[in-house]
Protein backbone atom coordinates (compact mmCIF):
# COMPACT_ATOMS: atom_id res chain seq x y z
CA UNK A 1 0.00 0.00 0.00
CA UNK A 2 2.85 2.38 0.77
CA UNK A 3 4.37 1.66 -2.66
CA UNK A 4 1.04 2.31 -4.36
CA UNK A 5 0.55 5.54 -2.45
CA UNK A 6 4.04 6.75 -3.36
CA UNK A 7 3.60 5.77 -7.00
CA UNK A 8 0.43 7.86 -7.13
CA UNK A 9 2.22 11.12 -6.29
CA UNK A 10 2.53 13.56 -9.17
CA UNK A 11 5.92 14.97 -8.21
CA UNK A 12 8.62 12.52 -9.40
CA UNK A 13 11.05 13.37 -6.58
CA UNK A 14 8.36 12.92 -3.92
CA UNK A 15 7.23 9.68 -5.54
CA UNK A 16 10.77 8.34 -5.67
CA UNK A 17 11.35 9.35 -2.05
CA UNK A 18 8.25 7.47 -1.01
CA UNK A 19 9.20 4.38 -2.98
CA UNK A 20 12.72 4.38 -1.56
CA UNK A 21 11.32 4.47 1.95
CA UNK A 22 9.92 1.01 1.27
CA UNK A 23 12.38 -0.76 -1.02
CA UNK A 24 15.17 -0.25 -3.58
CA UNK A 25 13.94 1.15 -6.89
CA UNK A 26 14.89 0.16 -10.43
CA UNK A 27 15.62 3.68 -11.66
CA UNK A 28 15.31 2.89 -15.37
CA UNK A 29 11.83 1.44 -14.82
CA UNK A 30 10.81 4.43 -12.67
CA UNK A 31 11.91 6.91 -15.35
CA UNK A 32 10.23 4.87 -18.08
CA UNK A 33 6.92 4.69 -16.22
CA UNK A 34 6.94 8.47 -15.75
CA UNK A 35 8.01 9.28 -19.28
CA UNK A 36 11.26 10.84 -18.10
CA UNK A 37 14.63 10.79 -19.80
CA UNK A 38 17.71 9.21 -18.29
CA UNK A 39 19.23 12.65 -17.74
CA UNK A 40 16.68 13.23 -14.97
CA UNK A 41 17.78 10.16 -13.02
CA UNK A 42 20.70 11.47 -10.97
CA UNK A 43 18.87 14.70 -10.13
CA UNK A 44 15.81 12.84 -8.87
CA UNK A 45 17.85 10.37 -6.83
CA UNK A 46 19.71 13.24 -5.17
CA UNK A 47 16.46 15.10 -4.50
CA UNK A 48 14.98 11.95 -2.95
CA UNK A 49 18.03 11.46 -0.73
CA UNK A 50 18.99 8.20 -2.40
CA UNK A 51 22.16 6.53 -3.63
CA UNK A 52 22.70 4.58 -6.82
CA UNK A 53 23.95 0.98 -6.62
CA UNK A 54 24.27 -0.18 -10.19
CA UNK A 55 20.77 0.03 -11.71
CA UNK A 56 18.98 0.42 -8.37
CA UNK A 57 18.47 3.45 -6.17
CA UNK A 58 18.45 2.89 -2.39
CA UNK A 59 17.62 5.15 0.54
CA UNK A 60 20.34 6.19 2.97
CA UNK A 61 18.76 4.08 5.71
CA UNK A 62 18.70 1.03 3.44
CA UNK A 63 22.33 1.51 2.53
CA UNK A 64 23.27 1.78 6.21
CA UNK A 65 21.31 -1.41 6.94
CA UNK A 66 23.12 -3.24 4.15
CA UNK A 67 26.52 -2.07 5.39
CA UNK A 68 25.81 -3.04 8.99
CA UNK A 69 24.27 -6.35 7.95
CA UNK A 70 27.27 -7.27 5.82
CA UNK A 71 29.67 -6.61 8.70
CA UNK A 72 27.55 -8.63 11.13
CA UNK A 73 27.13 -11.57 8.75
CA UNK A 74 30.82 -11.74 7.85
CA UNK A 75 31.94 -11.47 11.47
CA UNK A 76 29.57 -14.29 12.44
CA UNK A 77 30.74 -16.46 9.55
CA UNK A 78 34.41 -15.96 10.41
CA UNK A 79 33.69 -16.79 14.04
CA UNK A 80 32.00 -20.06 13.09
CA UNK A 81 34.40 -20.94 10.25
CA UNK A 82 37.87 -19.58 11.10
CA UNK A 83 39.54 -21.96 8.64
CA UNK A 84 37.49 -20.81 5.63
CA UNK A 85 38.51 -17.87 3.48
CA UNK A 86 35.12 -16.20 3.53
CA UNK A 87 31.37 -16.20 2.96
CA UNK A 88 29.87 -16.88 -0.45
CA UNK A 89 28.87 -13.75 -2.33
CA UNK A 90 25.44 -15.03 -3.35
CA UNK A 91 24.75 -16.36 0.13
CA UNK A 92 25.36 -12.93 1.63
CA UNK A 93 23.09 -11.32 -0.97
CA UNK A 94 20.26 -13.61 0.10
CA UNK A 95 20.90 -12.89 3.78
CA UNK A 96 20.91 -9.09 3.64
CA UNK A 97 17.84 -6.87 3.73
CA UNK A 98 16.77 -5.14 1.65
CA UNK A 99 17.60 -7.76 -0.97
CA UNK A 100 19.32 -6.21 -3.97
CA UNK A 101 19.34 -7.41 -7.54
CA UNK A 102 22.61 -9.16 -8.42
CA UNK A 103 24.04 -6.27 -10.44
CA UNK A 104 23.20 -3.78 -7.72
CA UNK A 105 24.61 -6.07 -5.04
CA UNK A 106 27.90 -6.37 -6.92
CA UNK A 107 28.06 -2.57 -7.12
CA UNK A 108 27.45 -2.44 -3.36
CA UNK A 109 30.24 -4.95 -2.70
CA UNK A 110 32.69 -3.08 -4.91
CA UNK A 111 31.93 0.17 -3.10
CA UNK A 112 32.39 -1.52 0.28
CA UNK A 113 35.66 -3.08 -0.88
CA UNK A 114 36.96 0.28 -2.15
CA UNK A 115 36.08 1.81 1.22
CA UNK A 116 38.07 -0.92 2.96
CA UNK A 117 35.07 -2.39 4.78
CA UNK A 118 35.44 -5.85 3.25
CA UNK A 119 37.56 -7.80 0.78
CA UNK A 120 35.91 -9.05 -2.40
CA UNK A 121 37.57 -12.15 -3.82
CA UNK A 122 35.47 -13.41 -6.70
CA UNK A 123 32.78 -15.61 -5.15
CA UNK A 124 33.98 -15.02 -1.57
CA UNK A 125 33.79 -12.11 0.84
CA UNK A 126 35.76 -11.59 4.03
CA UNK A 127 36.53 -8.89 6.54
CA UNK A 128 39.88 -7.15 5.98
CA UNK A 129 41.42 -8.54 9.17
CA UNK A 130 40.45 -12.17 8.49
CA UNK A 131 43.16 -14.37 7.05
CA UNK A 132 43.68 -18.12 6.80
CA UNK A 133 47.34 -19.13 6.81
CA UNK A 134 49.36 -22.28 6.25
CA UNK A 135 51.99 -23.38 8.72
CA UNK A 136 55.66 -23.03 7.75
CA UNK A 137 55.83 -26.75 6.98
CA UNK A 138 52.68 -26.64 4.87
CA UNK A 139 53.95 -23.61 2.96
CA UNK A 140 57.15 -25.51 2.19
CA UNK A 141 55.15 -28.43 0.80
CA UNK A 142 52.98 -26.07 -1.24
CA UNK A 143 56.12 -24.45 -2.68
CA UNK A 144 57.16 -27.86 -4.02
CA UNK A 145 53.75 -28.48 -5.58
CA UNK A 146 52.99 -25.06 -7.08
CA UNK A 147 55.41 -25.16 -10.06
CA UNK A 148 53.79 -28.32 -11.41
CA UNK A 149 50.36 -26.67 -11.21
CA UNK A 150 51.37 -23.58 -13.16
CA UNK A 151 53.92 -24.83 -15.69
CA UNK A 152 53.67 -26.34 -19.14
CA UNK A 153 51.50 -29.22 -17.89
CA UNK A 154 49.16 -26.97 -15.92
CA UNK A 155 46.06 -28.25 -17.76
CA UNK A 156 46.86 -31.86 -16.81
CA UNK A 157 48.38 -31.82 -13.31
CA UNK A 158 48.96 -35.11 -11.45
CA UNK A 159 46.40 -36.30 -8.95
CA UNK A 160 47.26 -36.30 -5.25
CA UNK A 161 48.57 -39.87 -5.20
CA UNK A 162 50.90 -39.26 -8.16
CA UNK A 163 52.05 -35.96 -6.69
CA UNK A 164 52.85 -37.59 -3.37
CA UNK A 165 54.81 -40.38 -5.02
CA UNK A 166 56.81 -37.94 -7.16
CA UNK A 167 57.61 -35.68 -4.20
CA UNK A 168 58.19 -38.41 -1.65
CA UNK A 169 55.51 -36.82 0.54
CA UNK A 170 52.75 -38.38 2.61
CA UNK A 171 49.60 -38.59 0.55
CA UNK A 172 47.38 -37.51 3.46
CA UNK A 173 49.57 -34.47 4.19
CA UNK A 174 49.55 -33.37 0.57
CA UNK A 175 45.79 -33.80 0.30
CA UNK A 176 45.28 -31.74 3.47
CA UNK A 177 47.55 -28.94 2.24
CA UNK A 178 45.87 -28.79 -1.17
CA UNK A 179 42.44 -28.63 0.42
CA UNK A 180 43.62 -25.79 2.64
CA UNK A 181 45.03 -24.06 -0.44
CA UNK A 182 41.61 -24.40 -2.04
CA UNK A 183 40.16 -22.49 0.91
CA UNK A 184 42.84 -19.86 0.43
CA UNK A 185 41.89 -19.49 -3.23
CA UNK A 186 45.18 -20.85 -4.58
CA UNK A 187 43.72 -23.96 -6.19
CA UNK A 188 40.39 -25.47 -7.24
CA UNK A 189 39.47 -29.10 -6.70
CA UNK A 190 38.01 -29.93 -10.10
CA UNK A 191 37.46 -33.62 -9.37
CA UNK A 192 38.28 -36.10 -6.61
CA UNK A 193 41.95 -35.54 -5.62
CA UNK A 194 42.50 -33.47 -8.78
CA UNK A 195 43.54 -29.89 -8.07
CA UNK A 196 44.20 -27.06 -10.54
CA UNK A 197 45.86 -23.73 -9.78
CA UNK A 198 43.35 -20.88 -9.49
CA UNK A 199 44.93 -18.88 -12.31
CA UNK A 200 44.75 -21.97 -14.51
CA UNK A 201 41.04 -22.35 -13.76
CA UNK A 202 40.57 -18.72 -14.80
CA UNK A 203 42.66 -19.37 -17.90
CA UNK A 204 40.41 -22.28 -18.84
CA UNK A 205 37.35 -20.06 -18.53
CA UNK A 206 39.07 -17.70 -20.95
CA UNK A 207 39.63 -20.59 -23.34
CA UNK A 208 35.94 -21.48 -23.14
CA UNK A 209 35.05 -17.90 -24.03
CA UNK A 210 37.34 -18.10 -27.06
CA UNK A 211 35.89 -21.45 -28.11
CA UNK A 212 32.35 -20.12 -27.82
CA UNK A 213 33.23 -17.08 -29.94
CA UNK A 214 34.63 -19.24 -32.74
CA UNK A 215 32.35 -22.28 -32.54
CA UNK A 216 29.45 -22.93 -34.94
CA UNK A 217 26.34 -21.29 -33.45
CA UNK A 218 28.39 -20.51 -30.33
CA UNK A 219 28.19 -23.96 -28.74
CA UNK A 220 31.13 -25.41 -26.80
CA UNK A 221 31.78 -29.15 -27.16
CA UNK A 222 33.94 -31.37 -24.99
CA UNK A 223 36.08 -32.21 -28.02
CA UNK A 224 36.83 -28.55 -28.78
CA UNK A 225 37.79 -27.91 -25.17
CA UNK A 226 39.85 -31.11 -24.93
CA UNK A 227 41.86 -30.04 -27.97
CA UNK A 228 42.57 -26.59 -26.53
CA UNK A 229 43.85 -27.90 -23.19
CA UNK A 230 45.45 -30.98 -24.81
CA UNK A 231 44.00 -33.22 -22.15
CA UNK A 232 42.18 -36.54 -22.16
CA UNK A 233 38.45 -36.56 -22.82
CA UNK A 234 37.65 -37.82 -19.30
CA UNK A 235 39.51 -34.99 -17.58
CA UNK A 236 38.16 -32.40 -20.05
CA UNK A 237 34.61 -33.49 -19.22
CA UNK A 238 35.35 -33.37 -15.48
CA UNK A 239 36.54 -29.79 -15.88
CA UNK A 240 33.44 -28.85 -17.87
CA UNK A 241 31.19 -30.51 -15.30
CA UNK A 242 32.93 -28.47 -12.59
CA UNK A 243 32.04 -25.30 -14.46
CA UNK A 244 28.50 -26.63 -14.90
CA UNK A 245 28.15 -27.04 -11.13
CA UNK A 246 29.30 -23.47 -10.54
CA UNK A 247 26.96 -22.14 -13.21
CA UNK A 248 29.87 -20.74 -15.23
CA UNK A 249 28.62 -22.84 -18.15
CA UNK A 250 25.06 -23.62 -19.15
CA UNK A 251 24.62 -27.14 -20.48
CA UNK A 252 22.20 -28.47 -23.06
CA UNK A 253 22.87 -32.16 -23.67
CA UNK A 254 26.54 -32.37 -24.64
CA UNK A 255 26.72 -28.70 -25.63
CA UNK A 256 27.53 -25.70 -23.45
CA UNK A 257 27.54 -21.93 -23.43
CA UNK A 258 29.16 -19.44 -21.09
CA UNK A 259 26.80 -18.00 -18.48
CA UNK A 260 27.54 -14.24 -18.60
CA UNK A 261 26.11 -13.82 -15.09
CA UNK A 262 28.65 -16.23 -13.57
CA UNK A 263 31.70 -15.64 -15.73
CA UNK A 264 33.04 -13.08 -13.25
CA UNK A 265 33.57 -15.80 -10.61
CA UNK A 266 36.99 -16.31 -12.15
CA UNK A 267 37.74 -12.75 -13.17
CA UNK A 268 39.71 -10.66 -10.65
CA UNK A 269 38.19 -7.31 -9.79
CA UNK A 270 40.41 -4.33 -10.70
CA UNK A 271 42.73 -3.74 -7.77
CA UNK A 272 41.30 -6.67 -5.83
CA UNK A 273 42.41 -10.22 -5.22
CA UNK A 274 41.63 -12.98 -7.68
CA UNK A 275 38.54 -15.17 -7.27
CA UNK A 276 38.79 -17.83 -4.55
CA UNK A 277 37.57 -21.42 -4.47
CA UNK A 278 34.04 -21.11 -5.68
CA UNK A 279 32.63 -24.37 -4.39
CA UNK A 280 33.95 -24.42 -0.85
CA UNK A 281 31.57 -24.15 2.09
CA UNK A 282 29.70 -20.88 2.22
CA UNK A 283 28.99 -20.53 -1.48
CA UNK A 284 25.29 -21.00 -0.83
């Protein structure tokens, strides 16, 4: 009823102010419904005491509630999960009130990150003072593993058992360290005991984008991807299924396309850290 009453006001600034008092407003839709040009948008938002977050305008009180809610949710998550890098971006969006559209929520997160209130790492969010660290011994083991995950054979790294045998390390220790590195955003566990360096995962997403751009009708096939990474069909399919689970790719039978709404999970934000493990606990 409050929305209807506000929408019935003749003065656009007063109407927008009334709408913002209830919920975020899609500014483009508001201007369209009133027959106003886009040039009037910023003026009306300022007159209504609002702030733009991507395509949505929010009231000052709503923005303050979002900021406080984000801090509370992240602090609680870190307290309950000190060994995890952070809370899933989408999970936090669904927790906070008012609930923003995805594009507006990403604009909110970027603004909060630029202000130093939180750290945005792809699919994860954390408070600036939260950090998961490896022990000195674990870091030493990681240093022995990392070159094999980022070198010429980065698209076909050994599985944990083969790594352990080659390094003369305990299989259980290596598995534990790699899983911790996944939480730190250094690697992704694509399949059982099969870890890929985070930058390699991002590189493979880039390859999928290239394949889609050059493929007939824009469809990605397992064979096209296998040939680009020069890997076996089984591993290529496991990688593609990993991207399917994350929503990075949209599957139809044996064909796939890139999901533009999830592609940024493996694209580092300008000036921010690269995307972390996108399927660890907290993704939501």
